[in-house]
């Protein structure tokens, strides 16, 4: 089981690192969906976990765009 990052951990990353994380999570999500379609997925709950990770990272990026500090 992979440990989920918290929003505070995302806030400690630079913007470039966040963009890289989002890209990595999107790639992982693509692979998980492919495994689901082919019947090879071992842990279907990982799909929702990765979607939430993407949402957390994008939220922090958007807060930075708007100048909101939390």
N, C-alpha and C. Protein backbone atom coordinates (compact mmCIF):
# COMPACT_ATOMS: atom_id res chain seq x y z
N UNK A 1 0.84 -1.18 0.00
CA UNK A 1 0.00 0.00 0.00
C UNK A 1 0.88 1.24 0.00
N UNK A 2 0.56 2.18 -0.85
CA UNK A 2 1.33 3.39 -1.00
C UNK A 2 0.77 4.46 -0.05
N UNK A 3 1.67 5.15 0.64
CA UNK A 3 1.25 6.20 1.57
C UNK A 3 0.77 7.42 0.82
N UNK A 4 -0.38 7.95 1.22
CA UNK A 4 -0.91 9.14 0.57
C UNK A 4 -0.25 10.37 1.16
N UNK A 5 0.01 11.34 0.29
CA UNK A 5 0.57 12.60 0.74
C UNK A 5 -0.56 13.50 1.23
N UNK A 6 -0.28 14.28 2.25
CA UNK A 6 -1.26 15.24 2.75
C UNK A 6 -1.06 16.57 2.04
N UNK A 7 -2.06 17.42 2.13
CA UNK A 7 -1.99 18.72 1.45
C UNK A 7 -0.80 19.53 1.95
N UNK A 8 -0.48 19.43 3.23
CA UNK A 8 0.68 20.16 3.76
C UNK A 8 1.98 19.68 3.13
N UNK A 9 2.07 18.40 2.84
CA UNK A 9 3.27 17.87 2.19
C UNK A 9 3.38 18.40 0.76
N UNK A 10 2.24 18.58 0.11
CA UNK A 10 2.25 19.15 -1.24
C UNK A 10 2.68 20.61 -1.19
N UNK A 11 2.28 21.32 -0.15
CA UNK A 11 2.63 22.74 -0.04
C UNK A 11 4.13 22.95 0.13
N UNK A 12 4.83 21.94 0.63
CA UNK A 12 6.28 22.05 0.82
C UNK A 12 7.05 21.85 -0.48
N UNK A 13 6.37 21.41 -1.54
CA UNK A 13 7.02 21.18 -2.82
C UNK A 13 7.01 22.45 -3.66
N UNK A 14 7.95 22.53 -4.60
CA UNK A 14 7.96 23.66 -5.52
C UNK A 14 6.88 23.45 -6.58
N UNK A 15 6.59 24.48 -7.34
CA UNK A 15 5.57 24.39 -8.38
C UNK A 15 5.96 23.37 -9.44
N UNK A 16 7.24 23.35 -9.82
CA UNK A 16 7.70 22.37 -10.81
C UNK A 16 7.55 20.94 -10.29
N UNK A 17 7.88 20.74 -9.02
CA UNK A 17 7.73 19.41 -8.44
C UNK A 17 6.27 18.99 -8.39
N UNK A 18 5.39 19.94 -8.09
CA UNK A 18 3.96 19.64 -8.08
C UNK A 18 3.47 19.24 -9.46
N UNK A 19 3.91 19.98 -10.48
CA UNK A 19 3.51 19.64 -11.84
C UNK A 19 4.01 18.26 -12.23
N UNK A 20 5.21 17.91 -11.79
CA UNK A 20 5.75 16.57 -12.06
C UNK A 20 4.94 15.50 -11.34
N UNK A 21 4.54 15.80 -10.10
CA UNK A 21 3.71 14.85 -9.34
C UNK A 21 2.37 14.62 -10.05
N UNK A 22 1.74 15.71 -10.50
CA UNK A 22 0.46 15.58 -11.18
C UNK A 22 0.62 14.74 -12.44
N UNK A 23 1.67 14.98 -13.20
CA UNK A 23 1.91 14.20 -14.42
C UNK A 23 2.13 12.73 -14.08
N UNK A 24 2.88 12.47 -13.03
CA UNK A 24 3.12 11.09 -12.61
C UNK A 24 1.85 10.40 -12.15
N UNK A 25 1.03 11.13 -11.39
CA UNK A 25 -0.24 10.56 -10.94
C UNK A 25 -1.18 10.29 -12.11
N UNK A 26 -1.19 11.18 -13.09
CA UNK A 26 -2.04 10.97 -14.27
C UNK A 26 -1.60 9.74 -15.05
N UNK A 27 -0.30 9.56 -15.16
CA UNK A 27 0.22 8.37 -15.84
C UNK A 27 -0.16 7.10 -15.07
N UNK A 28 -0.03 7.16 -13.75
CA UNK A 28 -0.40 6.01 -12.93
C UNK A 28 -1.89 5.71 -13.07
N UNK A 29 -2.71 6.76 -13.08
CA UNK A 29 -4.15 6.58 -13.23
C UNK A 29 -4.49 5.94 -14.58
N UNK A 30 -3.80 6.37 -15.63
CA UNK A 30 -4.00 5.77 -16.95
C UNK A 30 -3.69 4.27 -16.90
N UNK A 31 -2.55 3.93 -16.30
CA UNK A 31 -2.16 2.53 -16.21
C UNK A 31 -3.14 1.72 -15.37
N UNK A 32 -3.63 2.29 -14.28
CA UNK A 32 -4.61 1.59 -13.44
C UNK A 32 -5.90 1.34 -14.20
N UNK A 33 -6.35 2.34 -14.96
CA UNK A 33 -7.58 2.16 -15.74
C UNK A 33 -7.39 1.10 -16.82
N UNK A 34 -6.21 1.06 -17.40
CA UNK A 34 -5.91 0.05 -18.41
C UNK A 34 -5.94 -1.35 -17.79
N UNK A 35 -5.34 -1.46 -16.59
CA UNK A 35 -5.35 -2.75 -15.88
C UNK A 35 -6.77 -3.16 -15.51
N UNK A 36 -7.59 -2.18 -15.12
CA UNK A 36 -8.99 -2.47 -14.78
C UNK A 36 -9.74 -3.02 -15.99
N UNK A 37 -9.50 -2.42 -17.15
CA UNK A 37 -10.19 -2.84 -18.37
C UNK A 37 -9.77 -4.24 -18.81
N UNK A 38 -8.52 -4.58 -18.54
CA UNK A 38 -8.02 -5.90 -18.95
C UNK A 38 -8.17 -6.95 -17.86
N UNK A 39 -8.72 -6.55 -16.70
CA UNK A 39 -8.95 -7.51 -15.63
C UNK A 39 -7.71 -7.86 -14.83
N UNK A 40 -6.69 -7.03 -14.86
CA UNK A 40 -5.43 -7.33 -14.16
C UNK A 40 -5.23 -6.48 -12.91
N UNK A 41 -6.21 -5.66 -12.55
CA UNK A 41 -6.04 -4.74 -11.44
C UNK A 41 -6.23 -5.48 -10.12
N UNK A 42 -5.21 -5.39 -9.24
CA UNK A 42 -5.27 -6.07 -7.95
C UNK A 42 -6.02 -5.26 -6.90
N UNK A 43 -5.83 -3.93 -6.92
CA UNK A 43 -6.39 -3.07 -5.89
C UNK A 43 -7.21 -1.94 -6.53
N UNK A 44 -8.51 -2.16 -6.72
CA UNK A 44 -9.31 -1.14 -7.39
C UNK A 44 -9.46 0.15 -6.60
N UNK A 45 -9.26 0.12 -5.29
CA UNK A 45 -9.37 1.34 -4.50
C UNK A 45 -8.22 2.31 -4.76
N UNK A 46 -7.16 1.81 -5.38
CA UNK A 46 -6.03 2.68 -5.71
C UNK A 46 -6.43 3.75 -6.72
N UNK A 47 -7.40 3.44 -7.58
CA UNK A 47 -7.85 4.41 -8.59
C UNK A 47 -8.39 5.66 -7.90
N UNK A 48 -9.26 5.48 -6.92
CA UNK A 48 -9.82 6.65 -6.23
C UNK A 48 -8.76 7.36 -5.41
N UNK A 49 -7.81 6.62 -4.86
CA UNK A 49 -6.73 7.25 -4.09
C UNK A 49 -5.87 8.14 -4.98
N UNK A 50 -5.57 7.66 -6.18
CA UNK A 50 -4.75 8.45 -7.11
C UNK A 50 -5.52 9.69 -7.58
N UNK A 51 -6.82 9.53 -7.81
CA UNK A 51 -7.64 10.69 -8.20
C UNK A 51 -7.63 11.76 -7.11
N UNK A 52 -7.67 11.33 -5.86
CA UNK A 52 -7.64 12.28 -4.75
C UNK A 52 -6.27 12.95 -4.63
N UNK A 53 -5.21 12.20 -4.91
CA UNK A 53 -3.86 12.78 -4.89
C UNK A 53 -3.75 13.88 -5.96
N UNK A 54 -4.29 13.61 -7.15
CA UNK A 54 -4.27 14.61 -8.22
C UNK A 54 -5.04 15.85 -7.78
N UNK A 55 -6.19 15.64 -7.16
CA UNK A 55 -7.00 16.77 -6.71
C UNK A 55 -6.27 17.59 -5.66
N UNK A 56 -5.59 16.93 -4.72
CA UNK A 56 -4.84 17.66 -3.70
C UNK A 56 -3.74 18.52 -4.32
N UNK A 57 -3.00 17.92 -5.24
CA UNK A 57 -1.90 18.64 -5.87
C UNK A 57 -2.42 19.82 -6.69
N UNK A 58 -3.51 19.61 -7.43
CA UNK A 58 -4.06 20.69 -8.24
C UNK A 58 -4.64 21.80 -7.36
N UNK A 59 -5.18 21.43 -6.21
CA UNK A 59 -5.71 22.43 -5.28
C UNK A 59 -4.60 23.34 -4.79
N UNK A 60 -3.47 22.75 -4.44
CA UNK A 60 -2.34 23.55 -3.96
C UNK A 60 -1.82 24.45 -5.09
N UNK A 61 -1.74 23.93 -6.30
CA UNK A 61 -1.32 24.75 -7.44
C UNK A 61 -2.26 25.92 -7.66
N UNK A 62 -3.55 25.67 -7.58
CA UNK A 62 -4.54 26.73 -7.79
C UNK A 62 -4.47 27.77 -6.67
N UNK A 63 -4.25 27.33 -5.45
CA UNK A 63 -4.11 28.27 -4.34
C UNK A 63 -2.91 29.18 -4.56
N UNK A 64 -1.85 28.64 -5.10
CA UNK A 64 -0.67 29.46 -5.39
C UNK A 64 -0.97 30.47 -6.49
N UNK A 65 -1.73 30.06 -7.50
CA UNK A 65 -2.10 30.98 -8.58
C UNK A 65 -2.90 32.16 -8.04
N UNK A 66 -3.80 31.87 -7.11
CA UNK A 66 -4.67 32.90 -6.57
C UNK A 66 -4.03 33.68 -5.43
N UNK A 67 -2.89 33.20 -4.96
CA UNK A 67 -2.20 33.88 -3.86
C UNK A 67 -2.81 33.60 -2.51
N UNK A 68 -3.48 32.47 -2.40
CA UNK A 68 -4.09 32.08 -1.13
C UNK A 68 -3.08 31.25 -0.35
N UNK A 69 -2.81 31.65 0.87
CA UNK A 69 -1.91 30.87 1.70
C UNK A 69 -2.70 30.23 2.82
N UNK A 70 -2.45 28.94 3.03
CA UNK A 70 -3.17 28.22 4.07
C UNK A 70 -2.20 27.68 5.08
